[in-house]
Amino acid sequence: MGTRVQISSSVLVFCLLVVILVLIGLALCGALLDPPNRTIQVILSQFSLSSERTPPAFFAFLLLLICGVWLGIIALHEHHGGSRWWRHWAVLAVMFVFMAYDEAAGLHEKAIEPLRELLDAGGFFYYAWVIPGIIVVTITFLAYLPFLLHLPPVFRWLFLLSGAIYVGGAIGMEMISGAHIDQHGRDLVYRLMTIVEEAFEMLGALLFIASLMKYLTRRDGYFELKLGLTNRLPVGVAARAPGLGAGGAPPEAVTVLRRTSEAAARLAHPPSRAL
């Protein structure tokens, strides 16, 4: 007995897109409007795209985690299919899970001040984490260039486009907003820049999710993932004492064979005891 769950990729992408648009709309309301009601101000502040521990921050974490899960599924699928590229998928899965953790824990934000002081950074590098970020992105792109070239053209360009949108927001807009805040502080323009930045990140991640699901269903139009859960004992477990040779077991060797059918029979028909 089992439960079959079907997920439509188009419905999932549409639902995620609706959530992104709602979050962007609420963030714009919080940046552009000045409601007189204190309660409304507090509610809108919870939907600032640049704040931590808010619904948008959790949703951004969820998008990256979904990417990591799909990448892990593709890695397993490619490994079982004998593809030599499965390790590239697996490493990408680990990277996206770490990115999701970073999004939740804010690791790169915590590195800004120490790196700024260490590198005496300012202007476009006001958010100094972008310096190691650019290095990591460049190394990853060069290392994955053969992997990208082996992909069918449609997926190669979809992956590149989604990566360009995400990196353009995460690093590109971060550099522009950093230069602005270094000169003008956290004014309205800066708040709008952060909205554009986070919107690019979410839309890039969403496009990558859609591309990964399209990759999984490219052959048959669907992809089936089976998960098995059992509480039964193994069908047969054999244990043999050390020293058992091919020519026969010595007297001190012990061979133990356990079968679930025998265990079940003993449980179903316990031996009777004489009174």
Protein backbone atom coordinates (compact mmCIF):
# COMPACT_ATOMS: atom_id res chain seq x y z
CA MET A 1 0.00 0.00 0.00
CA GLY A 2 1.35 3.40 -0.89
CA THR A 3 0.49 7.00 -1.60
CA ARG A 4 1.21 8.49 -5.01
CA VAL A 5 2.01 12.19 -5.09
CA GLN A 6 2.18 13.98 -8.44
CA ILE A 7 3.80 17.39 -8.82
CA SER A 8 3.17 19.48 -11.89
CA SER A 9 6.29 21.50 -12.68
CA SER A 10 4.30 24.30 -14.34
CA VAL A 11 1.94 24.61 -11.35
CA LEU A 12 4.83 24.62 -8.88
CA VAL A 13 6.71 27.31 -10.84
CA PHE A 14 3.54 29.40 -11.16
CA CYS A 15 2.85 29.21 -7.40
CA LEU A 16 6.43 30.19 -6.57
CA LEU A 17 6.24 33.07 -9.06
CA VAL A 18 3.05 34.36 -7.46
CA VAL A 19 4.71 34.33 -4.03
CA ILE A 20 7.72 36.24 -5.44
CA LEU A 21 5.48 38.89 -7.00
CA VAL A 22 3.49 39.29 -3.77
CA LEU A 23 6.69 39.68 -1.74
CA ILE A 24 8.06 42.26 -4.18
CA GLY A 25 4.75 44.17 -4.05
CA LEU A 26 4.74 44.23 -0.25
CA ALA A 27 8.39 45.32 -0.19
CA LEU A 28 7.60 48.18 -2.58
CA CYS A 29 4.68 49.25 -0.38
CA GLY A 30 6.98 49.28 2.64
CA ALA A 31 9.59 51.37 0.80
CA LEU A 32 7.30 53.87 -0.94
CA LEU A 33 4.40 54.28 1.51
CA ASP A 34 4.34 55.84 4.94
CA PRO A 35 1.18 54.45 6.54
CA PRO A 36 -0.06 56.39 9.58
CA ASN A 37 -1.05 53.19 11.36
CA ARG A 38 1.76 51.78 13.49
CA THR A 39 0.49 48.22 13.07
CA ILE A 40 0.63 48.46 9.28
CA GLN A 41 4.17 49.86 9.50
CA VAL A 42 5.28 46.89 11.60
CA ILE A 43 3.63 44.42 9.23
CA LEU A 44 5.21 45.97 6.13
CA SER A 45 8.61 46.07 7.83
CA GLN A 46 8.43 42.27 8.12
CA PHE A 47 8.39 42.06 4.32
CA SER A 48 11.52 44.08 3.71
CA LEU A 49 13.60 42.05 1.25
CA SER A 50 16.87 43.17 2.84
CA SER A 51 16.02 42.12 6.41
CA GLU A 52 16.90 38.83 8.10
CA ARG A 53 14.53 36.40 9.85
CA THR A 54 11.54 37.59 7.82
CA PRO A 55 9.12 35.76 5.48
CA PRO A 56 11.07 36.90 2.36
CA ALA A 57 14.35 35.66 3.89
CA PHE A 58 12.77 32.28 4.66
CA PHE A 59 11.35 32.07 1.14
CA ALA A 60 14.77 32.84 -0.37
CA PHE A 61 16.23 30.06 1.78
CA LEU A 62 13.48 27.72 0.58
CA LEU A 63 14.18 28.47 -3.10
CA LEU A 64 17.87 27.65 -2.75
CA LEU A 65 17.07 24.51 -0.77
CA ILE A 66 14.70 23.34 -3.52
CA CYS A 67 17.52 23.87 -6.02
CA GLY A 68 19.82 21.75 -3.85
CA VAL A 69 17.24 18.96 -3.55
CA TRP A 70 16.59 18.81 -7.31
CA LEU A 71 20.32 18.84 -8.01
CA GLY A 72 20.79 15.95 -5.58
CA ILE A 73 18.03 13.96 -7.28
CA ILE A 74 19.62 14.58 -10.69
CA ALA A 75 23.02 13.51 -9.31
CA LEU A 76 21.55 10.20 -8.11
CA HIS A 77 19.71 9.71 -11.39
CA GLU A 78 22.83 10.42 -13.45
CA HIS A 79 24.93 8.14 -11.23
CA HIS A 80 22.52 5.23 -11.68
CA GLY A 81 22.52 5.91 -15.41
CA GLY A 82 26.31 5.63 -15.57
CA SER A 83 26.96 9.27 -16.46
CA ARG A 84 30.46 10.52 -15.70
CA TRP A 85 29.08 13.96 -14.91
CA TRP A 86 27.13 12.92 -11.80
CA ARG A 87 29.82 14.31 -9.49
CA HIS A 88 29.34 17.78 -11.01
CA TRP A 89 25.63 17.59 -10.18
CA ALA A 90 26.43 16.36 -6.67
CA VAL A 91 28.90 19.19 -5.99
CA LEU A 92 26.33 21.71 -7.24
CA ALA A 93 23.78 20.19 -4.86
CA VAL A 94 26.14 20.64 -1.92
CA MET A 95 26.91 24.21 -3.00
CA PHE A 96 23.23 25.17 -3.16
CA VAL A 97 22.48 23.59 0.22
CA PHE A 98 25.34 25.63 1.66
CA MET A 99 23.99 28.75 -0.07
CA ALA A 100 20.60 28.06 1.52
CA TYR A 101 22.27 27.76 4.93
CA ASP A 102 24.15 31.00 4.29
CA GLU A 103 20.89 32.70 3.35
CA ALA A 104 19.36 31.60 6.65
CA ALA A 105 22.39 32.21 8.87
CA GLY A 106 23.68 35.34 7.12
CA LEU A 107 27.28 34.16 7.04
CA HIS A 108 28.37 36.51 4.25
CA GLU A 109 26.84 39.50 6.08
CA LYS A 110 28.89 38.65 9.16
CA ALA A 111 32.05 38.70 7.04
CA ILE A 112 31.46 42.21 5.65
CA GLU A 113 32.95 44.28 8.47
CA PRO A 114 36.10 42.15 9.02
CA LEU A 115 36.80 42.01 5.26
CA ARG A 116 36.17 45.74 4.84
CA GLU A 117 38.69 46.55 7.54
CA LEU A 118 41.17 43.97 6.29
CA LEU A 119 41.02 45.11 2.64
CA ASP A 120 40.27 48.79 3.35
CA ALA A 121 37.38 48.43 0.91
CA GLY A 122 34.83 51.04 -0.06
CA GLY A 123 32.76 52.20 -3.01
CA PHE A 124 31.67 49.24 -5.14
CA PHE A 125 33.35 46.97 -2.60
CA TYR A 126 31.63 48.53 0.42
CA TYR A 127 30.04 45.13 0.95
CA ALA A 128 33.44 43.51 0.97
CA TRP A 129 32.14 39.91 0.79
CA VAL A 130 31.65 40.44 -2.96
CA ILE A 131 35.45 40.23 -3.45
CA PRO A 132 35.75 36.56 -2.44
CA GLY A 133 32.31 36.06 -4.00
CA ILE A 134 33.59 37.15 -7.43
CA ILE A 135 36.61 34.86 -7.06
CA VAL A 136 34.43 31.86 -6.16
CA VAL A 137 31.99 32.50 -9.02
CA THR A 138 34.86 32.85 -11.53
CA ILE A 139 36.57 29.63 -10.39
CA THR A 140 33.27 27.73 -10.40
CA PHE A 141 32.41 28.94 -13.90
CA LEU A 142 35.80 27.94 -15.32
CA ALA A 143 35.71 24.56 -13.57
CA TYR A 144 32.20 23.85 -14.85
CA LEU A 145 32.77 25.03 -18.42
CA PRO A 146 33.28 21.47 -19.77
CA PHE A 147 30.15 20.39 -17.89
CA LEU A 148 28.14 23.21 -19.44
CA LEU A 149 29.43 22.40 -22.92
CA HIS A 150 28.31 18.77 -22.65
CA LEU A 151 24.72 19.80 -21.86
CA PRO A 152 22.10 20.12 -24.61
CA PRO A 153 22.10 23.74 -25.83
CA VAL A 154 18.68 24.60 -24.39
CA PHE A 155 19.72 23.60 -20.88
CA ARG A 156 23.15 25.16 -21.22
CA TRP A 157 21.59 28.54 -21.96
CA LEU A 158 18.85 28.16 -19.36
CA PHE A 159 21.44 27.41 -16.67
CA LEU A 160 23.66 30.28 -17.81
CA LEU A 161 20.72 32.70 -17.92
CA SER A 162 19.45 31.75 -14.46
CA GLY A 163 23.00 31.98 -13.08
CA ALA A 164 23.53 35.39 -14.70
CA ILE A 165 20.27 36.72 -13.22
CA TYR A 166 21.08 35.38 -9.75
CA VAL A 167 24.71 36.54 -9.70
CA GLY A 168 23.70 39.85 -11.27
CA GLY A 169 21.45 40.47 -8.28
CA ALA A 170 23.55 38.91 -5.53
CA ILE A 171 26.87 40.48 -6.56
CA GLY A 172 26.17 43.04 -9.30
CA MET A 173 23.37 44.93 -7.56
CA GLU A 174 25.11 44.45 -4.21
CA MET A 175 28.11 46.34 -5.58
CA ILE A 176 25.95 49.14 -6.99
CA SER A 177 23.93 49.52 -3.79
CA GLY A 178 27.16 49.38 -1.78
CA ALA A 179 28.64 52.27 -3.73
CA HIS A 180 25.39 54.22 -3.23
CA ILE A 181 25.13 53.63 0.52
CA ASP A 182 28.81 54.57 0.91
CA GLN A 183 28.01 58.01 -0.55
CA HIS A 184 24.37 58.69 0.33
CA GLY A 185 23.36 56.33 3.12
CA ARG A 186 20.18 54.27 3.36
CA ASP A 187 17.84 56.55 1.43
CA LEU A 188 14.87 55.63 -0.76
CA VAL A 189 17.06 54.87 -3.77
CA TYR A 190 19.07 52.40 -1.71
CA ARG A 191 15.90 50.66 -0.50
CA LEU A 192 14.68 50.32 -4.08
CA MET A 193 18.06 48.94 -5.11
CA THR A 194 17.85 46.23 -2.45
CA ILE A 195 14.40 45.27 -3.74
CA VAL A 196 15.79 44.90 -7.28
CA GLU A 197 18.71 42.89 -5.91
CA GLU A 198 16.56 40.41 -4.00
CA ALA A 199 14.06 40.19 -6.86
CA PHE A 200 16.88 39.20 -9.24
CA GLU A 201 18.05 36.53 -6.78
CA MET A 202 14.59 35.01 -6.35
CA LEU A 203 13.77 35.11 -10.07
CA GLY A 204 17.14 33.60 -10.97
CA ALA A 205 16.62 30.78 -8.47
CA LEU A 206 13.09 30.21 -9.77
CA LEU A 207 14.31 29.98 -13.37
CA PHE A 208 16.95 27.48 -12.26
CA ILE A 209 14.30 25.36 -10.50
CA ALA A 210 12.16 25.37 -13.65
CA SER A 211 15.21 24.43 -15.74
CA LEU A 212 16.12 21.54 -13.43
CA MET A 213 12.59 20.13 -13.54
CA LYS A 214 12.57 20.47 -17.33
CA TYR A 215 15.89 18.61 -17.42
CA LEU A 216 14.46 15.74 -15.34
CA THR A 217 11.41 15.40 -17.59
CA ARG A 218 13.20 15.99 -20.90
CA ARG A 219 12.89 12.41 -22.19
CA ASP A 220 9.42 11.14 -21.26
CA GLY A 221 7.66 14.31 -20.14
CA TYR A 222 7.62 13.08 -16.54
CA PHE A 223 10.00 11.89 -13.85
CA GLU A 224 9.08 9.30 -11.25
CA LEU A 225 10.84 9.14 -7.91
CA LYS A 226 10.08 6.15 -5.71
CA LEU A 227 10.74 6.17 -1.98
CA GLY A 228 10.52 2.88 -0.09
CA LEU A 229 9.92 2.58 3.63
CA THR A 230 9.81 -0.78 5.41
CA ASN A 231 9.96 -2.11 8.94
CA ARG A 232 10.61 -5.73 7.91
CA LEU A 233 13.74 -7.69 8.74
CA PRO A 234 16.15 -8.57 5.93
CA VAL A 235 15.14 -11.61 3.86
CA GLY A 236 18.32 -13.49 4.72
CA VAL A 237 21.36 -12.69 6.84
CA ALA A 238 24.24 -15.12 6.91
CA ALA A 239 27.16 -14.85 9.33
CA ARG A 240 30.20 -17.09 9.11
CA ALA A 241 33.00 -17.45 11.63
CA PRO A 242 36.53 -16.46 10.60
CA GLY A 243 38.66 -19.26 9.18
CA LEU A 244 35.90 -20.94 7.16
CA GLY A 245 37.59 -22.27 4.05
CA ALA A 246 36.27 -23.15 0.62
CA GLY A 247 36.81 -26.88 1.27
CA GLY A 248 34.39 -26.99 4.18
CA ALA A 249 33.81 -25.49 7.57
CA PRO A 250 36.01 -26.51 10.49
CA PRO A 251 34.26 -27.85 13.61
CA GLU A 252 34.57 -24.56 15.46
CA ALA A 253 32.98 -22.55 12.63
CA VAL A 254 29.47 -21.33 13.23
CA THR A 255 27.03 -20.58 10.43
CA VAL A 256 23.96 -18.58 11.32
CA LEU A 257 21.08 -18.11 8.89
CA ARG A 258 18.15 -15.94 9.81
CA ARG A 259 15.11 -15.71 7.61
CA THR A 260 12.14 -13.46 8.13
CA SER A 261 9.76 -16.22 7.14
CA GLU A 262 10.96 -18.39 10.03
CA ALA A 263 10.80 -15.46 12.44
CA ALA A 264 7.29 -14.68 11.31
CA ALA A 265 6.26 -18.34 11.72
CA ARG A 266 7.59 -18.44 15.28
CA LEU A 267 5.74 -15.25 16.15
CA ALA A 268 2.52 -16.48 14.55
CA HIS A 269 2.67 -19.98 16.10
CA PRO A 270 4.52 -19.89 19.42
CA PRO A 271 5.41 -23.32 20.85
CA SER A 272 2.95 -24.74 23.34
CA ARG A 273 4.04 -25.44 26.88
CA ALA A 274 3.06 -28.53 28.84
CA LEU A 275 1.14 -27.87 31.98
